[in-house]
């Protein structure tokens, strides 16, 4: 999985449309193998990002959990600690 795609489910506050779009963009970039499509492929690329974002939003909205929502700042702090430990070696 692309490292730039982060889990979006079960956070307080819920994932924004911008976060969903960014995840969709990263996913389509990974699949297509390019960060910026040529003019000939721009429409297909943009359409794919929109479709993936819509599917992602539906998925996140439909998922059910009994776990309490995660705190974004706490999760970010955990990630920073993992990175610091990884690169301290």
C-alpha atoms as a PDB file:
ATOM      1  CA  UNK A   1       0.000   0.000   0.000  1.00  0.00           C
ATOM      2  CA  UNK A   2       1.136   3.514  -0.684  1.00  0.00           C
ATOM      3  CA  UNK A   3       2.545   5.064   2.483  1.00  0.00           C
ATOM      4  CA  UNK A   4       0.776   8.362   1.816  1.00  0.00           C
ATOM      5  CA  UNK A   5      -2.658   6.766   2.074  1.00  0.00           C
ATOM      6  CA  UNK A   6      -3.792   6.895   5.687  1.00  0.00           C
ATOM      7  CA  UNK A   7      -6.701   5.114   7.371  1.00  0.00           C
ATOM      8  CA  UNK A   8      -9.739   7.390   7.314  1.00  0.00           C
ATOM      9  CA  UNK A   9     -12.315   5.337   9.217  1.00  0.00           C
ATOM     10  CA  UNK A  10     -13.324   5.868  12.836  1.00  0.00           C
ATOM     11  CA  UNK A  11     -11.765   9.236  13.551  1.00  0.00           C
ATOM     12  CA  UNK A  12     -13.244  12.152  15.429  1.00  0.00           C
ATOM     13  CA  UNK A  13     -13.974  14.376  13.611  1.00  0.00           C
ATOM     14  CA  UNK A  14     -14.794  12.203  10.572  1.00  0.00           C
ATOM     15  CA  UNK A  15     -12.637  12.318   7.440  1.00  0.00           C
ATOM     16  CA  UNK A  16     -13.215  15.386   5.316  1.00  0.00           C
ATOM     17  CA  UNK A  17     -13.951  15.305   1.602  1.00  0.00           C
ATOM     18  CA  UNK A  18     -10.481  16.787   1.033  1.00  0.00           C
ATOM     19  CA  UNK A  19      -8.854  13.880   2.898  1.00  0.00           C
ATOM     20  CA  UNK A  20     -10.907  11.380   0.899  1.00  0.00           C
ATOM     21  CA  UNK A  21      -9.929  13.128  -2.347  1.00  0.00           C
ATOM     22  CA  UNK A  22      -6.225  13.114  -1.408  1.00  0.00           C
ATOM     23  CA  UNK A  23      -6.357   9.386  -0.633  1.00  0.00           C
ATOM     24  CA  UNK A  24      -8.107   8.730  -3.956  1.00  0.00           C
ATOM     25  CA  UNK A  25      -5.518  10.831  -5.784  1.00  0.00           C
ATOM     26  CA  UNK A  26      -2.651   8.882  -4.198  1.00  0.00           C
ATOM     27  CA  UNK A  27      -4.323   5.584  -5.084  1.00  0.00           C
ATOM     28  CA  UNK A  28      -4.844   6.563  -8.739  1.00  0.00           C
ATOM     29  CA  UNK A  29      -1.277   7.901  -8.953  1.00  0.00           C
ATOM     30  CA  UNK A  30       0.030   4.592  -7.632  1.00  0.00           C
ATOM     31  CA  UNK A  31      -2.017   2.537 -10.072  1.00  0.00           C
ATOM     32  CA  UNK A  32      -1.282   4.707 -13.085  1.00  0.00           C
ATOM     33  CA  UNK A  33       2.401   5.062 -12.319  1.00  0.00           C
ATOM     34  CA  UNK A  34       2.400   8.810 -12.806  1.00  0.00           C
ATOM     35  CA  UNK A  35       1.952  11.789 -10.540  1.00  0.00           C
ATOM     36  CA  UNK A  36       0.702  13.999 -13.338  1.00  0.00           C
ATOM     37  CA  UNK A  37      -0.981  12.496 -16.398  1.00  0.00           C
ATOM     38  CA  UNK A  38      -0.379  13.701 -19.938  1.00  0.00           C
ATOM     39  CA  UNK A  39      -3.021  15.927 -21.518  1.00  0.00           C
ATOM     40  CA  UNK A  40      -4.280  12.915 -23.456  1.00  0.00           C
ATOM     41  CA  UNK A  41      -4.916  11.028 -20.207  1.00  0.00           C
ATOM     42  CA  UNK A  42      -6.000  13.903 -17.950  1.00  0.00           C
ATOM     43  CA  UNK A  43      -9.733  13.296 -18.348  1.00  0.00           C
ATOM     44  CA  UNK A  44      -9.446   9.585 -17.589  1.00  0.00           C
ATOM     45  CA  UNK A  45      -7.172  10.310 -14.625  1.00  0.00           C
ATOM     46  CA  UNK A  46      -9.506  12.950 -13.166  1.00  0.00           C
ATOM     47  CA  UNK A  47     -12.552  10.741 -13.722  1.00  0.00           C
ATOM     48  CA  UNK A  48     -10.822   7.851 -11.931  1.00  0.00           C
ATOM     49  CA  UNK A  49      -9.930  10.080  -8.967  1.00  0.00           C
ATOM     50  CA  UNK A  50     -13.560  11.221  -8.709  1.00  0.00           C
ATOM     51  CA  UNK A  51     -14.912   7.680  -8.902  1.00  0.00           C
ATOM     52  CA  UNK A  52     -12.446   6.340  -6.337  1.00  0.00           C
ATOM     53  CA  UNK A  53     -13.205   9.264  -4.007  1.00  0.00           C
ATOM     54  CA  UNK A  54     -16.961   8.614  -4.302  1.00  0.00           C
ATOM     55  CA  UNK A  55     -16.507   4.895  -3.605  1.00  0.00           C
ATOM     56  CA  UNK A  56     -14.221   5.688  -0.667  1.00  0.00           C
ATOM     57  CA  UNK A  57     -16.726   8.128   0.819  1.00  0.00           C
ATOM     58  CA  UNK A  58     -19.539   5.551   0.504  1.00  0.00           C
ATOM     59  CA  UNK A  59     -17.354   2.921   2.156  1.00  0.00           C
ATOM     60  CA  UNK A  60     -16.344   5.146   5.066  1.00  0.00           C
ATOM     61  CA  UNK A  61     -19.928   6.301   5.592  1.00  0.00           C
ATOM     62  CA  UNK A  62     -21.270   2.721   5.558  1.00  0.00           C
ATOM     63  CA  UNK A  63     -18.681   1.131   7.867  1.00  0.00           C
ATOM     64  CA  UNK A  64     -19.915   0.344  11.370  1.00  0.00           C
ATOM     65  CA  UNK A  65     -17.787  -0.058  14.486  1.00  0.00           C
ATOM     66  CA  UNK A  66     -18.309  -0.274  18.223  1.00  0.00           C
ATOM     67  CA  UNK A  67     -14.798   1.000  18.948  1.00  0.00           C
ATOM     68  CA  UNK A  68     -14.500   4.549  20.219  1.00  0.00           C
ATOM     69  CA  UNK A  69     -13.298   7.077  17.604  1.00  0.00           C
ATOM     70  CA  UNK A  70      -9.550   7.581  17.381  1.00  0.00           C
ATOM     71  CA  UNK A  71      -7.951  10.929  18.071  1.00  0.00           C
ATOM     72  CA  UNK A  72      -6.063  12.330  15.070  1.00  0.00           C
ATOM     73  CA  UNK A  73      -3.408  14.065  17.133  1.00  0.00           C
ATOM     74  CA  UNK A  74      -2.729  10.951  19.234  1.00  0.00           C
ATOM     75  CA  UNK A  75      -2.443   8.785  16.106  1.00  0.00           C
ATOM     76  CA  UNK A  76      -0.092  11.339  14.502  1.00  0.00           C
ATOM     77  CA  UNK A  77       2.068  11.348  17.627  1.00  0.00           C
ATOM     78  CA  UNK A  78       2.272   7.536  17.536  1.00  0.00           C
ATOM     79  CA  UNK A  79       3.308   7.676  13.879  1.00  0.00           C
ATOM     80  CA  UNK A  80       6.007  10.260  14.610  1.00  0.00           C
ATOM     81  CA  UNK A  81       7.327   8.072  17.439  1.00  0.00           C
ATOM     82  CA  UNK A  82       7.493   5.051  15.105  1.00  0.00           C
ATOM     83  CA  UNK A  83       9.373   7.084  12.497  1.00  0.00           C
ATOM     84  CA  UNK A  84      11.809   8.432  15.106  1.00  0.00           C
ATOM     85  CA  UNK A  85      12.479   4.928  16.369  1.00  0.00           C
ATOM     86  CA  UNK A  86      12.928   3.564  12.844  1.00  0.00           C
ATOM     87  CA  UNK A  87      15.480   6.210  11.867  1.00  0.00           C
ATOM     88  CA  UNK A  88      17.298   6.254  15.213  1.00  0.00           C
ATOM     89  CA  UNK A  89      18.700   2.801  14.523  1.00  0.00           C
END
